């Protein structure tokens, strides 16, 4: 039986989520780090704030004022890909 809450990375591998959708989620997080409901793809949403807060490295990088914008984007993207999407 398929996992009802796959990771975004699993959805990406299955081609259910595109690179553009992951990038849009990164941009959405950067625009509003408190965003808790983001439609990552049809039928799935993601709590972006919880995804970053729940990933130790990403949380540390995002909170570091000396971290470069590219490093922050990469850390956020990693947290998003490892987060579990919620079926809606």
PDB file of N, CA and C in Angstrom:
ATOM      1  N   UNK A   1       0.850  -1.176   0.000  1.00  0.00           N
ATOM      2  CA  UNK A   1       0.000   0.000   0.000  1.00  0.00           C
ATOM      3  C   UNK A   1       0.898   1.242   0.000  1.00  0.00           C
ATOM      4  N   UNK A   2       0.644   2.190  -0.902  1.00  0.00           N
ATOM      5  CA  UNK A   2       1.464   3.401  -0.949  1.00  0.00           C
ATOM      6  C   UNK A   2       1.301   4.239   0.314  1.00  0.00           C
ATOM      7  N   UNK A   3       2.360   4.941   0.653  1.00  0.00           N
ATOM      8  CA  UNK A   3       2.356   5.825   1.823  1.00  0.00           C
ATOM      9  C   UNK A   3       1.391   6.982   1.569  1.00  0.00           C
ATOM     10  N   UNK A   4       0.414   7.218   2.471  1.00  0.00           N
ATOM     11  CA  UNK A   4      -0.526   8.322   2.268  1.00  0.00           C
ATOM     12  C   UNK A   4       0.133   9.690   2.444  1.00  0.00           C
ATOM     13  N   UNK A   5       1.277   9.738   3.118  1.00  0.00           N
ATOM     14  CA  UNK A   5       1.994  10.993   3.333  1.00  0.00           C
ATOM     15  C   UNK A   5       3.455  10.830   2.907  1.00  0.00           C
ATOM     16  N   UNK A   6       3.701  10.773   1.596  1.00  0.00           N
ATOM     17  CA  UNK A   6       5.071  10.607   1.123  1.00  0.00           C
ATOM     18  C   UNK A   6       5.875  11.891   1.328  1.00  0.00           C
ATOM     19  N   UNK A   7       7.181  11.767   1.269  1.00  0.00           N
ATOM     20  CA  UNK A   7       7.994  12.973   1.320  1.00  0.00           C
ATOM     21  C   UNK A   7       7.857  13.698  -0.016  1.00  0.00           C
ATOM     22  N   UNK A   8       8.166  14.969  -0.003  1.00  0.00           N
ATOM     23  CA  UNK A   8       8.137  15.737  -1.242  1.00  0.00           C
ATOM     24  C   UNK A   8       9.175  15.153  -2.203  1.00  0.00           C
ATOM     25  N   UNK A   9      10.291  14.677  -1.672  1.00  0.00           N
ATOM     26  CA  UNK A   9      11.302  14.042  -2.506  1.00  0.00           C
ATOM     27  C   UNK A   9      10.779  12.796  -3.199  1.00  0.00           C
ATOM     28  N   UNK A  10       9.984  12.007  -2.503  1.00  0.00           N
ATOM     29  CA  UNK A  10       9.374  10.821  -3.118  1.00  0.00           C
ATOM     30  C   UNK A  10       8.400  11.231  -4.216  1.00  0.00           C
ATOM     31  N   UNK A  11       7.630  12.280  -3.960  1.00  0.00           N
ATOM     32  CA  UNK A  11       6.708  12.785  -4.984  1.00  0.00           C
ATOM     33  C   UNK A  11       7.494  13.319  -6.182  1.00  0.00           C
ATOM     34  N   UNK A  12       8.636  13.948  -5.914  1.00  0.00           N
ATOM     35  CA  UNK A  12       9.492  14.475  -6.970  1.00  0.00           C
ATOM     36  C   UNK A  12      10.036  13.330  -7.829  1.00  0.00           C
ATOM     37  N   UNK A  13      10.513  12.271  -7.181  1.00  0.00           N
ATOM     38  CA  UNK A  13      11.023  11.109  -7.917  1.00  0.00           C
ATOM     39  C   UNK A  13       9.939  10.469  -8.774  1.00  0.00           C
ATOM     40  N   UNK A  14       8.714  10.475  -8.260  1.00  0.00           N
ATOM     41  CA  UNK A  14       7.587   9.887  -8.987  1.00  0.00           C
ATOM     42  C   UNK A  14       7.037  10.847 -10.050  1.00  0.00           C
ATOM     43  N   UNK A  15       7.665  12.013 -10.171  1.00  0.00           N
ATOM     44  CA  UNK A  15       7.267  13.052 -11.125  1.00  0.00           C
ATOM     45  C   UNK A  15       5.877  13.616 -10.837  1.00  0.00           C
ATOM     46  N   UNK A  16       5.446  13.522  -9.579  1.00  0.00           N
ATOM     47  CA  UNK A  16       4.179  14.123  -9.159  1.00  0.00           C
ATOM     48  C   UNK A  16       4.386  15.565  -8.734  1.00  0.00           C
ATOM     49  N   UNK A  17       5.642  15.930  -8.446  1.00  0.00           N
ATOM     50  CA  UNK A  17       6.020  17.300  -8.097  1.00  0.00           C
ATOM     51  C   UNK A  17       7.158  17.686  -9.030  1.00  0.00           C
ATOM     52  N   UNK A  18       7.074  18.891  -9.582  1.00  0.00           N
ATOM     53  CA  UNK A  18       8.111  19.359 -10.499  1.00  0.00           C
ATOM     54  C   UNK A  18       9.154  20.198  -9.766  1.00  0.00           C
ATOM     55  N   UNK A  19      10.258  20.411 -10.433  1.00  0.00           N
ATOM     56  CA  UNK A  19      11.305  21.276  -9.904  1.00  0.00           C
ATOM     57  C   UNK A  19      10.756  22.687  -9.679  1.00  0.00           C
ATOM     58  N   UNK A  20       9.917  23.145 -10.588  1.00  0.00           N
ATOM     59  CA  UNK A  20       9.316  24.473 -10.462  1.00  0.00           C
ATOM     60  C   UNK A  20       8.442  24.579  -9.212  1.00  0.00           C
ATOM     61  N   UNK A  21       7.717  23.507  -8.891  1.00  0.00           N
ATOM     62  CA  UNK A  21       6.868  23.516  -7.702  1.00  0.00           C
ATOM     63  C   UNK A  21       7.704  23.548  -6.422  1.00  0.00           C
ATOM     64  N   UNK A  22       8.817  22.834  -6.423  1.00  0.00           N
ATOM     65  CA  UNK A  22       9.706  22.861  -5.256  1.00  0.00           C
ATOM     66  C   UNK A  22      10.312  24.259  -5.124  1.00  0.00           C
ATOM     67  N   UNK A  23      10.755  24.830  -6.240  1.00  0.00           N
ATOM     68  CA  UNK A  23      11.312  26.181  -6.210  1.00  0.00           C
ATOM     69  C   UNK A  23      10.273  27.199  -5.745  1.00  0.00           C
ATOM     70  N   UNK A  24       9.034  27.028  -6.165  1.00  0.00           N
ATOM     71  CA  UNK A  24       7.964  27.935  -5.736  1.00  0.00           C
ATOM     72  C   UNK A  24       7.744  27.828  -4.221  1.00  0.00           C
ATOM     73  N   UNK A  25       7.883  26.632  -3.685  1.00  0.00           N
ATOM     74  CA  UNK A  25       7.737  26.452  -2.236  1.00  0.00           C
ATOM     75  C   UNK A  25       8.875  27.161  -1.496  1.00  0.00           C
ATOM     76  N   UNK A  26      10.085  27.109  -2.045  1.00  0.00           N
ATOM     77  CA  UNK A  26      11.219  27.817  -1.440  1.00  0.00           C
ATOM     78  C   UNK A  26      10.947  29.314  -1.437  1.00  0.00           C
ATOM     79  N   UNK A  27      10.500  29.837  -2.555  1.00  0.00           N
ATOM     80  CA  UNK A  27      10.190  31.270  -2.667  1.00  0.00           C
ATOM     81  C   UNK A  27       9.072  31.644  -1.695  1.00  0.00           C
ATOM     82  N   UNK A  28       8.059  30.791  -1.586  1.00  0.00           N
ATOM     83  CA  UNK A  28       6.950  31.055  -0.664  1.00  0.00           C
ATOM     84  C   UNK A  28       7.444  31.105   0.774  1.00  0.00           C
ATOM     85  N   UNK A  29       8.347  30.186   1.144  1.00  0.00           N
ATOM     86  CA  UNK A  29       8.896  30.201   2.503  1.00  0.00           C
ATOM     87  C   UNK A  29       9.696  31.474   2.742  1.00  0.00           C
ATOM     88  N   UNK A  30      10.522  31.854   1.784  1.00  0.00           N
ATOM     89  CA  UNK A  30      11.331  33.070   1.938  1.00  0.00           C
ATOM     90  C   UNK A  30      10.450  34.312   2.075  1.00  0.00           C
ATOM     91  N   UNK A  31       9.314  34.316   1.390  1.00  0.00           N
ATOM     92  CA  UNK A  31       8.391  35.449   1.475  1.00  0.00           C
ATOM     93  C   UNK A  31       7.654  35.484   2.808  1.00  0.00           C
ATOM     94  N   UNK A  32       7.364  34.299   3.362  1.00  0.00           N
ATOM     95  CA  UNK A  32       6.637  34.215   4.631  1.00  0.00           C
ATOM     96  C   UNK A  32       7.055  32.954   5.376  1.00  0.00           C
ATOM     97  N   UNK A  33       8.070  33.068   6.274  1.00  0.00           N
ATOM     98  CA  UNK A  33       8.558  31.894   7.002  1.00  0.00           C
ATOM     99  C   UNK A  33       7.557  31.285   7.982  1.00  0.00           C
ATOM    100  N   UNK A  34       6.421  31.919   8.165  1.00  0.00           N
ATOM    101  CA  UNK A  34       5.408  31.365   9.067  1.00  0.00           C
ATOM    102  C   UNK A  34       4.331  30.590   8.305  1.00  0.00           C
ATOM    103  N   UNK A  35       4.481  30.494   6.982  1.00  0.00           N
ATOM    104  CA  UNK A  35       3.481  29.837   6.135  1.00  0.00           C
ATOM    105  C   UNK A  35       3.316  28.382   6.540  1.00  0.00           C
ATOM    106  N   UNK A  36       2.094  28.019   6.910  1.00  0.00           N
ATOM    107  CA  UNK A  36       1.874  26.651   7.378  1.00  0.00           C
ATOM    108  C   UNK A  36       1.110  25.777   6.398  1.00  0.00           C
ATOM    109  N   UNK A  37       0.531  26.338   5.367  1.00  0.00           N
ATOM    110  CA  UNK A  37      -0.192  25.515   4.393  1.00  0.00           C
ATOM    111  C   UNK A  37       0.152  25.992   2.985  1.00  0.00           C
ATOM    112  N   UNK A  38       0.911  25.172   2.298  1.00  0.00           N
ATOM    113  CA  UNK A  38       1.304  25.500   0.926  1.00  0.00           C
ATOM    114  C   UNK A  38       0.955  24.299   0.049  1.00  0.00           C
ATOM    115  N   UNK A  39       0.160  24.542  -0.978  1.00  0.00           N
ATOM    116  CA  UNK A  39      -0.197  23.468  -1.913  1.00  0.00           C
ATOM    117  C   UNK A  39       1.023  23.171  -2.777  1.00  0.00           C
ATOM    118  N   UNK A  40       1.674  22.060  -2.507  1.00  0.00           N
ATOM    119  CA  UNK A  40       2.889  21.706  -3.237  1.00  0.00           C
ATOM    120  C   UNK A  40       2.556  21.146  -4.614  1.00  0.00           C
ATOM    121  N   UNK A  41       1.451  20.419  -4.710  1.00  0.00           N
ATOM    122  CA  UNK A  41       0.948  19.880  -5.972  1.00  0.00           C
ATOM    123  C   UNK A  41      -0.508  19.499  -5.765  1.00  0.00           C
ATOM    124  N   UNK A  42      -1.190  19.154  -6.830  1.00  0.00           N
ATOM    125  CA  UNK A  42      -2.596  18.765  -6.702  1.00  0.00           C
ATOM    126  C   UNK A  42      -2.737  17.614  -5.718  1.00  0.00           C
ATOM    127  N   UNK A  43      -3.545  17.828  -4.688  1.00  0.00           N
ATOM    128  CA  UNK A  43      -3.829  16.778  -3.724  1.00  0.00           C
ATOM    129  C   UNK A  43      -2.894  16.715  -2.538  1.00  0.00           C
ATOM    130  N   UNK A  44      -1.841  17.536  -2.512  1.00  0.00           N
ATOM    131  CA  UNK A  44      -0.886  17.515  -1.405  1.00  0.00           C
ATOM    132  C   UNK A  44      -0.533  18.932  -0.974  1.00  0.00           C
ATOM    133  N   UNK A  45      -0.443  19.117   0.332  1.00  0.00           N
ATOM    134  CA  UNK A  45       0.022  20.396   0.869  1.00  0.00           C
ATOM    135  C   UNK A  45       1.169  20.131   1.828  1.00  0.00           C
ATOM    136  N   UNK A  46       1.846  21.211   2.187  1.00  0.00           N
ATOM    137  CA  UNK A  46       3.015  21.103   3.034  1.00  0.00           C
ATOM    138  C   UNK A  46       3.058  22.279   3.991  1.00  0.00           C
ATOM    139  N   UNK A  47       3.353  21.990   5.245  1.00  0.00           N
ATOM    140  CA  UNK A  47       3.556  23.029   6.257  1.00  0.00           C
ATOM    141  C   UNK A  47       5.012  23.469   6.126  1.00  0.00           C
ATOM    142  N   UNK A  48       5.235  24.567   5.413  1.00  0.00           N
ATOM    143  CA  UNK A  48       6.595  25.009   5.139  1.00  0.00           C
ATOM    144  C   UNK A  48       7.344  25.406   6.408  1.00  0.00           C
ATOM    145  N   UNK A  49       6.670  26.096   7.316  1.00  0.00           N
ATOM    146  CA  UNK A  49       7.314  26.516   8.564  1.00  0.00           C
ATOM    147  C   UNK A  49       7.776  25.300   9.363  1.00  0.00           C
ATOM    148  N   UNK A  50       6.942  24.287   9.451  1.00  0.00           N
ATOM    149  CA  UNK A  50       7.292  23.073  10.195  1.00  0.00           C
ATOM    150  C   UNK A  50       8.395  22.285   9.481  1.00  0.00           C
ATOM    151  N   UNK A  51       8.379  22.296   8.147  1.00  0.00           N
ATOM    152  CA  UNK A  51       9.400  21.570   7.385  1.00  0.00           C
ATOM    153  C   UNK A  51      10.787  22.120   7.698  1.00  0.00           C
ATOM    154  N   UNK A  52      10.922  23.435   7.706  1.00  0.00           N
ATOM    155  CA  UNK A  52      12.229  24.046   7.986  1.00  0.00           C
ATOM    156  C   UNK A  52      12.565  23.923   9.469  1.00  0.00           C
ATOM    157  N   UNK A  53      11.596  24.179  10.328  1.00  0.00           N
ATOM    158  CA  UNK A  53      11.840  24.102  11.774  1.00  0.00           C
ATOM    159  C   UNK A  53      12.209  22.675  12.198  1.00  0.00           C
ATOM    160  N   UNK A  54      11.685  21.683  11.502  1.00  0.00           N
ATOM    161  CA  UNK A  54      11.939  20.286  11.849  1.00  0.00           C
ATOM    162  C   UNK A  54      13.229  19.723  11.271  1.00  0.00           C
ATOM    163  N   UNK A  55      13.913  20.502  10.487  1.00  0.00           N
ATOM    164  CA  UNK A  55      15.174  20.065   9.885  1.00  0.00           C
ATOM    165  C   UNK A  55      16.288  20.885  10.522  1.00  0.00           C
ATOM    166  N   UNK A  56      17.050  20.261  11.390  1.00  0.00           N
ATOM    167  CA  UNK A  56      18.046  20.958  12.201  1.00  0.00           C
ATOM    168  C   UNK A  56      19.000  21.843  11.426  1.00  0.00           C
ATOM    169  N   UNK A  57      19.589  21.302  10.347  1.00  0.00           N
ATOM    170  CA  UNK A  57      20.545  22.082   9.575  1.00  0.00           C
ATOM    171  C   UNK A  57      19.873  23.281   8.909  1.00  0.00           C
ATOM    172  N   UNK A  58      18.708  23.062   8.300  1.00  0.00           N
ATOM    173  CA  UNK A  58      18.007  24.156   7.628  1.00  0.00           C
ATOM    174  C   UNK A  58      17.630  25.244   8.628  1.00  0.00           C
ATOM    175  N   UNK A  59      17.158  24.843   9.782  1.00  0.00           N
ATOM    176  CA  UNK A  59      16.777  25.812  10.815  1.00  0.00           C
ATOM    177  C   UNK A  59      17.989  26.646  11.224  1.00  0.00           C
ATOM    178  N   UNK A  60      19.121  25.996  11.379  1.00  0.00           N
ATOM    179  CA  UNK A  60      20.343  26.687  11.790  1.00  0.00           C
ATOM    180  C   UNK A  60      20.813  27.650  10.690  1.00  0.00           C
ATOM    181  N   UNK A  61      20.796  27.213   9.448  1.00  0.00           N
ATOM    182  CA  UNK A  61      21.242  28.056   8.339  1.00  0.00           C
ATOM    183  C   UNK A  61      20.326  29.255   8.161  1.00  0.00           C
ATOM    184  N   UNK A  62      19.019  29.028   8.176  1.00  0.00           N
ATOM    185  CA  UNK A  62      18.059  30.115   7.985  1.00  0.00           C
ATOM    186  C   UNK A  62      18.190  31.156   9.101  1.00  0.00           C
ATOM    187  N   UNK A  63      18.499  30.702  10.295  1.00  0.00           N
ATOM    188  CA  UNK A  63      18.638  31.613  11.432  1.00  0.00           C
ATOM    189  C   UNK A  63      19.976  32.316  11.514  1.00  0.00           C
ATOM    190  N   UNK A  64      20.900  31.969  10.633  1.00  0.00           N
ATOM    191  CA  UNK A  64      22.234  32.561  10.658  1.00  0.00           C
ATOM    192  C   UNK A  64      22.279  33.779   9.734  1.00  0.00           C
ATOM    193  N   UNK A  65      22.425  34.980  10.287  1.00  0.00           N
ATOM    194  CA  UNK A  65      22.446  36.177   9.435  1.00  0.00           C
ATOM    195  C   UNK A  65      23.663  36.236   8.507  1.00  0.00           C
ATOM    196  N   UNK A  66      24.685  35.451   8.792  1.00  0.00           N
ATOM    197  CA  UNK A  66      25.880  35.451   7.950  1.00  0.00           C
ATOM    198  C   UNK A  66      25.805  34.439   6.809  1.00  0.00           C
ATOM    199  N   UNK A  67      24.786  33.591   6.804  1.00  0.00           N
ATOM    200  CA  UNK A  67      24.631  32.597   5.732  1.00  0.00           C
ATOM    201  C   UNK A  67      24.226  33.300   4.439  1.00  0.00           C
ATOM    202  N   UNK A  68      24.797  32.848   3.337  1.00  0.00           N
ATOM    203  CA  UNK A  68      24.491  33.460   2.041  1.00  0.00           C
ATOM    204  C   UNK A  68      23.067  33.115   1.607  1.00  0.00           C
ATOM    205  N   UNK A  69      22.475  33.942   0.759  1.00  0.00           N
ATOM    206  CA  UNK A  69      21.135  33.635   0.248  1.00  0.00           C
ATOM    207  C   UNK A  69      21.076  32.275  -0.468  1.00  0.00           C
ATOM    208  N   UNK A  70      22.128  31.924  -1.211  1.00  0.00           N
ATOM    209  CA  UNK A  70      22.135  30.630  -1.910  1.00  0.00           C
ATOM    210  C   UNK A  70      22.184  29.471  -0.931  1.00  0.00           C
ATOM    211  N   UNK A  71      22.941  29.606   0.137  1.00  0.00           N
ATOM    212  CA  UNK A  71      22.989  28.550   1.149  1.00  0.00           C
ATOM    213  C   UNK A  71      21.630  28.403   1.819  1.00  0.00           C
ATOM    214  N   UNK A  72      20.986  29.527   2.116  1.00  0.00           N
ATOM    215  CA  UNK A  72      19.651  29.473   2.731  1.00  0.00           C
ATOM    216  C   UNK A  72      18.658  28.788   1.802  1.00  0.00           C
ATOM    217  N   UNK A  73      18.693  29.141   0.508  1.00  0.00           N
ATOM    218  CA  UNK A  73      17.776  28.518  -0.450  1.00  0.00           C
ATOM    219  C   UNK A  73      18.009  27.008  -0.522  1.00  0.00           C
ATOM    220  N   UNK A  74      19.267  26.603  -0.534  1.00  0.00           N
ATOM    221  CA  UNK A  74      19.587  25.176  -0.589  1.00  0.00           C
ATOM    222  C   UNK A  74      19.130  24.432   0.654  1.00  0.00           C
ATOM    223  N   UNK A  75      19.303  25.057   1.807  1.00  0.00           N
ATOM    224  CA  UNK A  75      18.872  24.429   3.058  1.00  0.00           C
ATOM    225  C   UNK A  75      17.354  24.300   3.107  1.00  0.00           C
ATOM    226  N   UNK A  76      16.663  25.332   2.671  1.00  0.00           N
ATOM    227  CA  UNK A  76      15.187  25.304   2.651  1.00  0.00           C
ATOM    228  C   UNK A  76      14.710  24.238   1.674  1.00  0.00           C
ATOM    229  N   UNK A  77      15.335  24.173   0.506  1.00  0.00           N
ATOM    230  CA  UNK A  77      14.959  23.166  -0.496  1.00  0.00           C
ATOM    231  C   UNK A  77      15.154  21.755   0.063  1.00  0.00           C
ATOM    232  N   UNK A  78      16.267  21.524   0.740  1.00  0.00           N
ATOM    233  CA  UNK A  78      16.522  20.219   1.340  1.00  0.00           C
ATOM    234  C   UNK A  78      15.444  19.866   2.360  1.00  0.00           C
ATOM    235  N   UNK A  79      15.112  20.829   3.223  1.00  0.00           N
ATOM    236  CA  UNK A  79      14.072  20.591   4.240  1.00  0.00           C
ATOM    237  C   UNK A  79      12.738  20.268   3.583  1.00  0.00           C
ATOM    238  N   UNK A  80      12.418  20.973   2.512  1.00  0.00           N
ATOM    239  CA  UNK A  80      11.153  20.735   1.813  1.00  0.00           C
ATOM    240  C   UNK A  80      11.142  19.334   1.185  1.00  0.00           C
ATOM    241  N   UNK A  81      12.222  18.956   0.527  1.00  0.00           N
ATOM    242  CA  UNK A  81      12.266  17.641  -0.116  1.00  0.00           C
ATOM    243  C   UNK A  81      12.176  16.498   0.878  1.00  0.00           C
ATOM    244  N   UNK A  82      12.672  16.714   2.098  1.00  0.00           N
ATOM    245  CA  UNK A  82      12.630  15.661   3.117  1.00  0.00           C
ATOM    246  C   UNK A  82      11.332  15.659   3.943  1.00  0.00           C
ATOM    247  N   UNK A  83      10.548  16.717   3.813  1.00  0.00           N
ATOM    248  CA  UNK A  83       9.311  16.829   4.595  1.00  0.00           C
ATOM    249  C   UNK A  83       8.204  15.944   4.012  1.00  0.00           C
ATOM    250  N   UNK A  84       7.318  15.533   4.873  1.00  0.00           N
ATOM    251  CA  UNK A  84       6.179  14.716   4.451  1.00  0.00           C
ATOM    252  C   UNK A  84       5.019  15.616   4.038  1.00  0.00           C
ATOM    253  N   UNK A  85       4.538  15.399   2.838  1.00  0.00           N
ATOM    254  CA  UNK A  85       3.385  16.132   2.331  1.00  0.00           C
ATOM    255  C   UNK A  85       2.111  15.534   2.915  1.00  0.00           C
ATOM    256  N   UNK A  86       1.131  16.356   3.122  1.00  0.00           N
ATOM    257  CA  UNK A  86      -0.161  15.903   3.644  1.00  0.00           C
ATOM    258  C   UNK A  86      -1.168  15.816   2.500  1.00  0.00           C
ATOM    259  N   UNK A  87      -1.827  14.700   2.395  1.00  0.00           N
ATOM    260  CA  UNK A  87      -2.863  14.531   1.376  1.00  0.00           C
ATOM    261  C   UNK A  87      -4.070  15.388   1.748  1.00  0.00           C
ATOM    262  N   UNK A  88      -4.562  16.126   0.780  1.00  0.00           N
ATOM    263  CA  UNK A  88      -5.745  16.982   1.031  1.00  0.00           C
ATOM    264  C   UNK A  88      -6.933  16.514   0.234  1.00  0.00           C
TER     265      UNK A  88
END
